Amino acid sequence: MLSSEITNALNVQINAELWSAYLYLSMSLDAADKGLSGVSNWFYVQSREEEDHARIIQHYMNDQGAKVELMPIASVPTSWDTPLDMFNDALAHERKVTSMICHVAKLATEISDYATYIRMQWFITEQIEEESSAREMVNKMELAMNSDSLLYHIDCNMASRRYSSASALQE
């Protein structure tokens, strides 16, 4: 059974993951509106991954006999000037999420909840990948913003990104 502290922290994390999904869906829609189908695809896949992250925590809480309580999702921005702005915001957001997950892991160790700590290890590893991916896109967009043909090439390449469900959902 999870403590009330951990239950609350995990419910906050679920909300953050769902907000992330909503943010990335908004970025996807804005990119589509600007005719950037590859950028739109990249953020749509990212949105789906964030939904998976919320589900992983939900499943974990269910398995531990804790109550999942969904909270309202705050509004998200709906427009960005450039794809670079989108990816800069995505990177900043992923850094914030990493901090939140580390907070849950730290809380779990402080109260000797090693099962939650172990589950958070998957998320910490995932966040390393999330930040790296966003940082890579920031770097590519910085290069591309000075060349329309390069932006077009990168956009086409991003269209090939495919969604696959998080491995922790298949456990």
N, C-alpha and C. Protein backbone atom coordinates (compact mmCIF):
# COMPACT_ATOMS: atom_id res chain seq x y z
N MET A 1 0.84 -1.18 0.00
CA MET A 1 0.00 0.00 0.00
C MET A 1 0.89 1.24 0.00
N LEU A 2 0.54 2.18 -0.84
CA LEU A 2 1.31 3.41 -0.93
C LEU A 2 0.89 4.39 0.15
N SER A 3 1.86 5.15 0.64
CA SER A 3 1.55 6.19 1.63
C SER A 3 0.74 7.29 0.96
N SER A 4 0.10 8.11 1.77
CA SER A 4 -0.67 9.22 1.21
C SER A 4 0.27 10.22 0.53
N GLU A 5 1.48 10.38 1.06
CA GLU A 5 2.45 11.30 0.44
C GLU A 5 2.82 10.85 -0.97
N ILE A 6 3.11 9.57 -1.11
CA ILE A 6 3.48 9.03 -2.42
C ILE A 6 2.27 9.04 -3.34
N THR A 7 1.11 8.67 -2.82
CA THR A 7 -0.11 8.70 -3.63
C THR A 7 -0.35 10.09 -4.18
N ASN A 8 -0.23 11.10 -3.33
CA ASN A 8 -0.43 12.48 -3.79
C ASN A 8 0.61 12.86 -4.84
N ALA A 9 1.87 12.52 -4.59
CA ALA A 9 2.94 12.87 -5.53
C ALA A 9 2.74 12.18 -6.88
N LEU A 10 2.30 10.94 -6.86
CA LEU A 10 2.06 10.22 -8.11
C LEU A 10 0.85 10.79 -8.85
N ASN A 11 -0.17 11.19 -8.12
CA ASN A 11 -1.32 11.82 -8.77
C ASN A 11 -0.92 13.14 -9.42
N VAL A 12 -0.06 13.91 -8.76
CA VAL A 12 0.46 15.15 -9.36
C VAL A 12 1.26 14.81 -10.62
N GLN A 13 2.05 13.73 -10.56
CA GLN A 13 2.85 13.34 -11.72
C GLN A 13 1.97 12.90 -12.87
N ILE A 14 0.90 12.19 -12.59
CA ILE A 14 -0.05 11.81 -13.65
C ILE A 14 -0.57 13.06 -14.33
N ASN A 15 -0.96 14.04 -13.53
CA ASN A 15 -1.47 15.29 -14.08
C ASN A 15 -0.41 15.96 -14.96
N ALA A 16 0.84 15.95 -14.51
CA ALA A 16 1.93 16.55 -15.29
C ALA A 16 2.14 15.81 -16.61
N GLU A 17 2.03 14.50 -16.58
CA GLU A 17 2.20 13.72 -17.82
C GLU A 17 1.05 14.00 -18.79
N LEU A 18 -0.16 14.10 -18.27
CA LEU A 18 -1.30 14.41 -19.14
C LEU A 18 -1.22 15.83 -19.67
N TRP A 19 -0.74 16.77 -18.84
CA TRP A 19 -0.54 18.13 -19.31
C TRP A 19 0.51 18.14 -20.42
N SER A 20 1.56 17.34 -20.25
CA SER A 20 2.60 17.23 -21.27
C SER A 20 2.00 16.73 -22.59
N ALA A 21 1.15 15.71 -22.49
CA ALA A 21 0.50 15.19 -23.69
C ALA A 21 -0.31 16.28 -24.38
N TYR A 22 -1.02 17.05 -23.59
CA TYR A 22 -1.85 18.13 -24.11
C TYR A 22 -0.97 19.21 -24.75
N LEU A 23 0.14 19.55 -24.11
CA LEU A 23 1.08 20.54 -24.65
C LEU A 23 1.61 20.07 -26.00
N TYR A 24 2.06 18.83 -26.07
CA TYR A 24 2.63 18.33 -27.31
C TYR A 24 1.59 18.17 -28.41
N LEU A 25 0.37 17.85 -28.03
CA LEU A 25 -0.71 17.81 -29.02
C LEU A 25 -0.95 19.22 -29.57
N SER A 26 -0.92 20.22 -28.69
CA SER A 26 -1.07 21.60 -29.14
C SER A 26 0.04 22.00 -30.10
N MET A 27 1.27 21.60 -29.78
CA MET A 27 2.40 21.89 -30.67
C MET A 27 2.21 21.18 -32.01
N SER A 28 1.72 19.95 -31.97
CA SER A 28 1.47 19.20 -33.20
C SER A 28 0.44 19.91 -34.07
N LEU A 29 -0.62 20.36 -33.45
CA LEU A 29 -1.67 21.04 -34.20
C LEU A 29 -1.18 22.37 -34.77
N ASP A 30 -0.39 23.10 -34.01
CA ASP A 30 0.15 24.37 -34.50
C ASP A 30 1.09 24.13 -35.68
N ALA A 31 1.94 23.10 -35.56
CA ALA A 31 2.85 22.79 -36.67
C ALA A 31 2.06 22.38 -37.91
N ALA A 32 1.01 21.59 -37.74
CA ALA A 32 0.18 21.19 -38.88
C ALA A 32 -0.45 22.41 -39.53
N ASP A 33 -0.91 23.34 -38.71
CA ASP A 33 -1.51 24.57 -39.22
C ASP A 33 -0.51 25.38 -40.04
N LYS A 34 0.77 25.25 -39.71
CA LYS A 34 1.81 25.99 -40.42
C LYS A 34 2.37 25.19 -41.61
N GLY A 35 1.78 24.03 -41.89
CA GLY A 35 2.21 23.22 -43.03
C GLY A 35 3.46 22.39 -42.77
N LEU A 36 3.80 22.19 -41.50
CA LEU A 36 4.99 21.41 -41.15
C LEU A 36 4.55 20.02 -40.67
N SER A 37 4.24 19.16 -41.61
CA SER A 37 3.69 17.85 -41.26
C SER A 37 4.67 16.98 -40.49
N GLY A 38 5.95 17.11 -40.76
CA GLY A 38 6.95 16.33 -40.02
C GLY A 38 7.06 16.78 -38.57
N VAL A 39 7.12 18.08 -38.35
CA VAL A 39 7.16 18.61 -36.99
C VAL A 39 5.88 18.22 -36.27
N SER A 40 4.75 18.32 -36.98
CA SER A 40 3.47 17.92 -36.40
C SER A 40 3.50 16.46 -35.97
N ASN A 41 4.02 15.60 -36.83
CA ASN A 41 4.13 14.17 -36.51
C ASN A 41 5.01 13.95 -35.29
N TRP A 42 6.16 14.63 -35.23
CA TRP A 42 7.08 14.45 -34.12
C TRP A 42 6.38 14.76 -32.79
N PHE A 43 5.66 15.86 -32.76
CA PHE A 43 4.98 16.24 -31.51
C PHE A 43 3.77 15.36 -31.23
N TYR A 44 3.12 14.85 -32.27
CA TYR A 44 2.00 13.92 -32.05
C TYR A 44 2.51 12.64 -31.39
N VAL A 45 3.61 12.11 -31.90
CA VAL A 45 4.21 10.91 -31.29
C VAL A 45 4.59 11.21 -29.84
N GLN A 46 5.15 12.38 -29.60
CA GLN A 46 5.54 12.77 -28.25
C GLN A 46 4.32 12.82 -27.33
N SER A 47 3.22 13.34 -27.84
CA SER A 47 1.98 13.40 -27.07
C SER A 47 1.52 12.00 -26.66
N ARG A 48 1.58 11.06 -27.58
CA ARG A 48 1.19 9.68 -27.28
C ARG A 48 2.09 9.06 -26.22
N GLU A 49 3.38 9.35 -26.29
CA GLU A 49 4.32 8.82 -25.29
C GLU A 49 3.98 9.35 -23.90
N GLU A 50 3.61 10.61 -23.82
CA GLU A 50 3.26 11.19 -22.51
C GLU A 50 1.99 10.54 -21.95
N GLU A 51 1.04 10.23 -22.82
CA GLU A 51 -0.15 9.51 -22.37
C GLU A 51 0.24 8.16 -21.78
N ASP A 52 1.18 7.48 -22.45
CA ASP A 52 1.68 6.19 -21.93
C ASP A 52 2.29 6.37 -20.54
N HIS A 53 3.06 7.43 -20.37
CA HIS A 53 3.70 7.66 -19.07
C HIS A 53 2.64 7.80 -17.97
N ALA A 54 1.58 8.52 -18.26
CA ALA A 54 0.50 8.65 -17.28
C ALA A 54 -0.11 7.28 -16.98
N ARG A 55 -0.32 6.48 -18.02
CA ARG A 55 -0.91 5.15 -17.83
C ARG A 55 0.01 4.23 -17.02
N ILE A 56 1.31 4.33 -17.23
CA ILE A 56 2.24 3.51 -16.46
C ILE A 56 2.10 3.81 -14.97
N ILE A 57 2.02 5.09 -14.63
CA ILE A 57 1.85 5.45 -13.22
C ILE A 57 0.49 5.00 -12.71
N GLN A 58 -0.54 5.16 -13.53
CA GLN A 58 -1.88 4.70 -13.14
C GLN A 58 -1.87 3.21 -12.85
N HIS A 59 -1.27 2.42 -13.73
CA HIS A 59 -1.21 0.96 -13.52
C HIS A 59 -0.46 0.63 -12.24
N TYR A 60 0.65 1.32 -12.03
CA TYR A 60 1.44 1.09 -10.82
C TYR A 60 0.60 1.38 -9.58
N MET A 61 -0.09 2.49 -9.59
CA MET A 61 -0.92 2.85 -8.44
C MET A 61 -2.03 1.83 -8.22
N ASN A 62 -2.67 1.40 -9.31
CA ASN A 62 -3.70 0.37 -9.20
C ASN A 62 -3.14 -0.92 -8.61
N ASP A 63 -1.96 -1.32 -9.09
CA ASP A 63 -1.32 -2.53 -8.58
C ASP A 63 -0.98 -2.42 -7.09
N GLN A 64 -0.73 -1.20 -6.63
CA GLN A 64 -0.39 -0.97 -5.22
C GLN A 64 -1.62 -0.67 -4.36
N GLY A 65 -2.79 -0.71 -4.95
CA GLY A 65 -4.02 -0.46 -4.20
C GLY A 65 -4.26 1.01 -3.86
N ALA A 66 -3.63 1.91 -4.61
CA ALA A 66 -3.79 3.34 -4.36
C ALA A 66 -4.83 3.91 -5.32
N LYS A 67 -5.49 4.94 -4.87
CA LYS A 67 -6.53 5.58 -5.69
C LYS A 67 -5.93 6.63 -6.60
N VAL A 68 -6.20 6.49 -7.88
CA VAL A 68 -5.81 7.49 -8.87
C VAL A 68 -6.90 8.55 -8.87
N GLU A 69 -6.49 9.79 -8.72
CA GLU A 69 -7.44 10.90 -8.75
C GLU A 69 -7.00 11.88 -9.82
N LEU A 70 -7.78 11.92 -10.89
CA LEU A 70 -7.46 12.84 -11.98
C LEU A 70 -7.81 14.26 -11.58
N MET A 71 -6.92 15.17 -11.93
CA MET A 71 -7.11 16.59 -11.63
C MET A 71 -7.35 17.35 -12.93
N PRO A 72 -7.88 18.55 -12.83
CA PRO A 72 -8.04 19.35 -14.05
C PRO A 72 -6.69 19.60 -14.72
N ILE A 73 -6.71 19.64 -16.02
CA ILE A 73 -5.50 19.93 -16.77
C ILE A 73 -5.53 21.41 -17.14
N ALA A 74 -4.48 22.11 -16.74
CA ALA A 74 -4.38 23.54 -17.04
C ALA A 74 -4.25 23.76 -18.54
N SER A 75 -4.64 24.93 -18.99
CA SER A 75 -4.54 25.24 -20.41
C SER A 75 -3.07 25.28 -20.84
N VAL A 76 -2.87 25.10 -22.12
CA VAL A 76 -1.52 25.11 -22.69
C VAL A 76 -1.46 26.19 -23.77
N PRO A 77 -0.25 26.63 -24.11
CA PRO A 77 -0.13 27.56 -25.23
C PRO A 77 -0.67 26.90 -26.51
N THR A 78 -1.05 27.70 -27.46
CA THR A 78 -1.61 27.15 -28.70
C THR A 78 -0.87 27.60 -29.95
N SER A 79 0.12 28.45 -29.80
CA SER A 79 0.82 28.96 -30.97
C SER A 79 2.27 29.30 -30.61
N TRP A 80 3.15 29.01 -31.56
CA TRP A 80 4.56 29.33 -31.43
C TRP A 80 4.99 30.00 -32.72
N ASP A 81 5.95 30.89 -32.63
CA ASP A 81 6.41 31.61 -33.82
C ASP A 81 7.16 30.71 -34.78
N THR A 82 7.99 29.81 -34.25
CA THR A 82 8.82 28.96 -35.10
C THR A 82 8.91 27.56 -34.49
N PRO A 83 9.29 26.57 -35.30
CA PRO A 83 9.54 25.25 -34.74
C PRO A 83 10.63 25.28 -33.66
N LEU A 84 11.62 26.15 -33.83
CA LEU A 84 12.66 26.28 -32.82
C LEU A 84 12.07 26.68 -31.48
N ASP A 85 11.11 27.59 -31.49
CA ASP A 85 10.44 27.98 -30.25
C ASP A 85 9.73 26.79 -29.62
N MET A 86 9.10 25.97 -30.45
CA MET A 86 8.41 24.78 -29.94
C MET A 86 9.40 23.85 -29.23
N PHE A 87 10.51 23.58 -29.90
CA PHE A 87 11.47 22.64 -29.33
C PHE A 87 12.19 23.21 -28.12
N ASN A 88 12.44 24.50 -28.11
CA ASN A 88 13.00 25.12 -26.90
C ASN A 88 12.03 24.97 -25.73
N ASP A 89 10.75 25.21 -25.98
CA ASP A 89 9.75 25.03 -24.92
C ASP A 89 9.66 23.56 -24.49
N ALA A 90 9.74 22.66 -25.46
CA ALA A 90 9.70 21.22 -25.15
C ALA A 90 10.88 20.83 -24.27
N LEU A 91 12.07 21.31 -24.60
CA LEU A 91 13.24 20.98 -23.80
C LEU A 91 13.11 21.53 -22.38
N ALA A 92 12.69 22.77 -22.26
CA ALA A 92 12.50 23.36 -20.93
C ALA A 92 11.46 22.56 -20.14
N HIS A 93 10.41 22.14 -20.81
CA HIS A 93 9.38 21.37 -20.13
C HIS A 93 9.90 20.01 -19.69
N GLU A 94 10.66 19.34 -20.54
CA GLU A 94 11.21 18.02 -20.17
C GLU A 94 12.14 18.14 -18.97
N ARG A 95 12.89 19.22 -18.91
CA ARG A 95 13.75 19.43 -17.74
C ARG A 95 12.92 19.58 -16.47
N LYS A 96 11.79 20.27 -16.57
CA LYS A 96 10.90 20.42 -15.42
C LYS A 96 10.33 19.07 -15.01
N VAL A 97 9.90 18.27 -15.97
CA VAL A 97 9.36 16.94 -15.68
C VAL A 97 10.41 16.07 -15.02
N THR A 98 11.65 16.14 -15.50
CA THR A 98 12.74 15.38 -14.89
C THR A 98 12.86 15.74 -13.42
N SER A 99 12.80 17.02 -13.12
CA SER A 99 12.89 17.48 -11.74
C SER A 99 11.73 16.92 -10.90
N MET A 100 10.55 16.91 -11.46
CA MET A 100 9.39 16.38 -10.73
C MET A 100 9.54 14.89 -10.44
N ILE A 101 10.01 14.14 -11.42
CA ILE A 101 10.19 12.70 -11.24
C ILE A 101 11.27 12.43 -10.20
N CYS A 102 12.33 13.19 -10.26
CA CYS A 102 13.39 13.03 -9.25
C CYS A 102 12.87 13.35 -7.86
N HIS A 103 11.96 14.29 -7.76
CA HIS A 103 11.34 14.61 -6.48
C HIS A 103 10.56 13.40 -5.93
N VAL A 104 9.81 12.74 -6.80
CA VAL A 104 9.05 11.55 -6.36
C VAL A 104 10.02 10.45 -5.93
N ALA A 105 11.09 10.25 -6.71
CA ALA A 105 12.09 9.22 -6.35
C ALA A 105 12.73 9.54 -5.01
N LYS A 106 13.07 10.80 -4.79
CA LYS A 106 13.69 11.21 -3.52
C LYS A 106 12.73 10.99 -2.36
N LEU A 107 11.48 11.38 -2.55
CA LEU A 107 10.46 11.19 -1.52
C LEU A 107 10.33 9.70 -1.19
N ALA A 108 10.32 8.86 -2.22
CA ALA A 108 10.19 7.42 -2.01
C ALA A 108 11.35 6.87 -1.17
N THR A 109 12.57 7.34 -1.44
CA THR A 109 13.70 6.84 -0.64
C THR A 109 13.63 7.36 0.79
N GLU A 110 13.16 8.58 0.97
CA GLU A 110 13.07 9.15 2.31
C GLU A 110 12.11 8.38 3.21
N ILE A 111 11.07 7.79 2.61
CA ILE A 111 10.11 7.04 3.43
C ILE A 111 10.25 5.53 3.23
N SER A 112 11.37 5.13 2.64
CA SER A 112 11.70 3.71 2.42
C SER A 112 10.65 2.97 1.58
N ASP A 113 10.11 3.65 0.57
CA ASP A 113 9.18 3.04 -0.39
C ASP A 113 10.01 2.66 -1.61
N TYR A 114 10.67 1.50 -1.50
CA TYR A 114 11.61 1.09 -2.53
C TYR A 114 10.92 0.64 -3.81
N ALA A 115 9.70 0.16 -3.72
CA ALA A 115 8.96 -0.23 -4.93
C ALA A 115 8.72 1.00 -5.81
N THR A 116 8.29 2.09 -5.19
CA THR A 116 8.06 3.32 -5.97
C THR A 116 9.38 3.86 -6.49
N TYR A 117 10.41 3.78 -5.67
CA TYR A 117 11.73 4.24 -6.11
C TYR A 117 12.18 3.46 -7.35
N ILE A 118 11.98 2.16 -7.35
CA ILE A 118 12.37 1.34 -8.50
C ILE A 118 11.54 1.73 -9.72
N ARG A 119 10.24 1.95 -9.55
CA ARG A 119 9.40 2.36 -10.68
C ARG A 119 9.87 3.70 -11.23
N MET A 120 10.27 4.60 -10.36
CA MET A 120 10.72 5.92 -10.79
C MET A 120 12.04 5.83 -11.55
N GLN A 121 12.82 4.78 -11.31
CA GLN A 121 14.07 4.61 -12.06
C GLN A 121 13.81 4.50 -13.56
N TRP A 122 12.73 3.81 -13.94
CA TRP A 122 12.37 3.71 -15.36
C TRP A 122 12.11 5.11 -15.91
N PHE A 123 11.39 5.91 -15.15
CA PHE A 123 11.08 7.27 -15.59
C PHE A 123 12.32 8.15 -15.67
N ILE A 124 13.22 8.00 -14.74
CA ILE A 124 14.46 8.79 -14.77
C ILE A 124 15.24 8.46 -16.04
N THR A 125 15.37 7.18 -16.35
CA THR A 125 16.04 6.77 -17.59
C THR A 125 15.31 7.31 -18.81
N GLU A 126 14.00 7.24 -18.78
CA GLU A 126 13.18 7.76 -19.88
C GLU A 126 13.40 9.26 -20.06
N GLN A 127 13.51 9.98 -18.96
CA GLN A 127 13.70 11.43 -19.04
C GLN A 127 15.05 11.79 -19.64
N ILE A 128 16.06 10.98 -19.41
CA ILE A 128 17.35 11.22 -20.07
C ILE A 128 17.15 11.18 -21.58
N GLU A 129 16.39 10.20 -22.05
CA GLU A 129 16.10 10.08 -23.48
C GLU A 129 15.24 11.25 -23.96
N GLU A 130 14.24 11.64 -23.17
CA GLU A 130 13.34 12.74 -23.56
C GLU A 130 14.12 14.04 -23.71
N GLU A 131 14.97 14.35 -22.74
CA GLU A 131 15.75 15.58 -22.81
C GLU A 131 16.73 15.53 -23.98
N SER A 132 17.36 14.41 -24.19
CA SER A 132 18.32 14.26 -25.29
C SER A 132 17.62 14.46 -26.64
N SER A 133 16.46 13.87 -26.79
CA SER A 133 15.71 13.98 -28.04
C SER A 133 15.30 15.43 -28.30
N ALA A 134 14.80 16.11 -27.28
CA ALA A 134 14.40 17.51 -27.45
C ALA A 134 15.62 18.38 -27.74
N ARG A 135 16.72 18.13 -27.05
CA ARG A 135 17.94 18.92 -27.27
C ARG A 135 18.46 18.71 -28.70
N GLU A 136 18.38 17.48 -29.18
CA GLU A 136 18.80 17.19 -30.56
C GLU A 136 17.95 17.97 -31.55
N MET A 137 16.64 18.05 -31.29
CA MET A 137 15.76 18.79 -32.19
C MET A 137 16.02 20.29 -32.11
N VAL A 138 16.34 20.80 -30.93
CA VAL A 138 16.71 22.22 -30.81
C VAL A 138 17.93 22.48 -31.69
N ASN A 139 18.93 21.62 -31.59
CA ASN A 139 20.15 21.80 -32.39
C ASN A 139 19.84 21.77 -33.88
N LYS A 140 19.00 20.83 -34.31
CA LYS A 140 18.65 20.73 -35.73
C LYS A 140 17.87 21.96 -36.18
N MET A 141 16.96 22.41 -35.34
CA MET A 141 16.16 23.58 -35.71
C MET A 141 17.01 24.84 -35.76
N GLU A 142 18.00 24.95 -34.89
CA GLU A 142 18.90 26.11 -34.94
C GLU A 142 19.64 26.14 -36.27
N LEU A 143 20.06 24.99 -36.75
CA LEU A 143 20.69 24.91 -38.06
C LEU A 143 19.70 25.23 -39.17
N ALA A 144 18.52 24.66 -39.06
CA ALA A 144 17.53 24.76 -40.13
C ALA A 144 16.92 26.14 -40.27
N MET A 145 16.84 26.89 -39.20
CA MET A 145 16.16 28.19 -39.26
C MET A 145 16.87 29.15 -40.21
N ASN A 146 18.10 28.87 -40.55
CA ASN A 146 18.83 29.73 -41.49
C ASN A 146 18.73 29.25 -42.93
N SER A 147 17.97 28.18 -43.15
CA SER A 147 17.88 27.62 -44.49
C SER A 147 16.52 26.97 -44.69
N ASP A 148 15.72 27.53 -45.60
CA ASP A 148 14.40 26.94 -45.88
C ASP A 148 14.52 25.52 -46.41
N SER A 149 15.52 25.26 -47.25
CA SER A 149 15.65 23.92 -47.81
C SER A 149 16.05 22.91 -46.73
N LEU A 150 16.87 23.34 -45.77
CA LEU A 150 17.25 22.45 -44.68
C LEU A 150 16.06 22.18 -43.77
N LEU A 151 15.27 23.20 -43.49
CA LEU A 151 14.06 23.01 -42.68
C LEU A 151 13.13 22.02 -43.37
N TYR A 152 12.98 22.15 -44.67
CA TYR A 152 12.13 21.23 -45.42
C TYR A 152 12.66 19.80 -45.29
N HIS A 153 13.96 19.63 -45.44
CA HIS A 153 14.57 18.30 -45.34
C HIS A 153 14.35 17.70 -43.94
N ILE A 154 14.59 18.48 -42.91
CA ILE A 154 14.39 18.00 -41.54
C ILE A 154 12.93 17.68 -41.29
N ASP A 155 12.03 18.53 -41.79
CA ASP A 155 10.59 18.28 -41.62
C ASP A 155 10.21 16.96 -42.27
N CYS A 156 10.69 16.70 -43.47
CA CYS A 156 10.40 15.43 -44.15
C CYS A 156 10.94 14.25 -43.35
N ASN A 157 12.13 14.39 -42.81
CA ASN A 157 12.75 13.33 -42.01
C ASN A 157 11.93 13.05 -40.75
N MET A 158 11.42 14.09 -40.13
CA MET A 158 10.65 13.93 -38.90
C MET A 158 9.33 13.19 -39.14
N ALA A 159 8.86 13.23 -40.36
CA ALA A 159 7.62 12.53 -40.69
C ALA A 159 7.77 11.02 -40.55
N SER A 160 8.99 10.52 -40.54
CA SER A 160 9.21 9.07 -40.44
C SER A 160 9.19 8.56 -39.00
N ARG A 161 9.15 9.45 -38.01
CA ARG A 161 9.12 9.01 -36.61
C ARG A 161 7.83 8.24 -36.37
N ARG A 162 7.93 7.11 -35.69
CA ARG A 162 6.77 6.26 -35.42
C ARG A 162 6.56 6.10 -33.94
N TYR A 163 5.33 5.93 -33.58
CA TYR A 163 4.95 5.73 -32.19
C TYR A 163 5.06 4.25 -31.85
N SER A 164 5.61 3.96 -30.68
CA SER A 164 5.56 2.61 -30.13
C SER A 164 5.32 2.76 -28.64
N SER A 165 4.45 1.94 -28.11
CA SER A 165 4.07 2.11 -26.70
C SER A 165 5.27 1.86 -25.79
N ALA A 166 5.23 2.51 -24.65
CA ALA A 166 6.32 2.41 -23.68
C ALA A 166 6.45 0.98 -23.19
N SER A 167 7.68 0.52 -23.07
CA SER A 167 7.93 -0.86 -22.67
C SER A 167 7.34 -1.17 -21.30
N ALA A 168 7.28 -0.19 -20.43
CA ALA A 168 6.74 -0.44 -19.09
C ALA A 168 5.25 -0.74 -19.14
N LEU A 169 4.56 -0.39 -20.20
CA LEU A 169 3.14 -0.75 -20.34
C LEU A 169 2.97 -2.21 -20.70
N GLN A 170 4.00 -2.81 -21.23
CA GLN A 170 3.93 -4.20 -21.68
C GLN A 170 4.39 -5.18 -20.60
N GLU A 171 4.76 -4.65 -19.45
CA GLU A 171 5.24 -5.52 -18.37
C GLU A 171 4.09 -6.26 -17.73
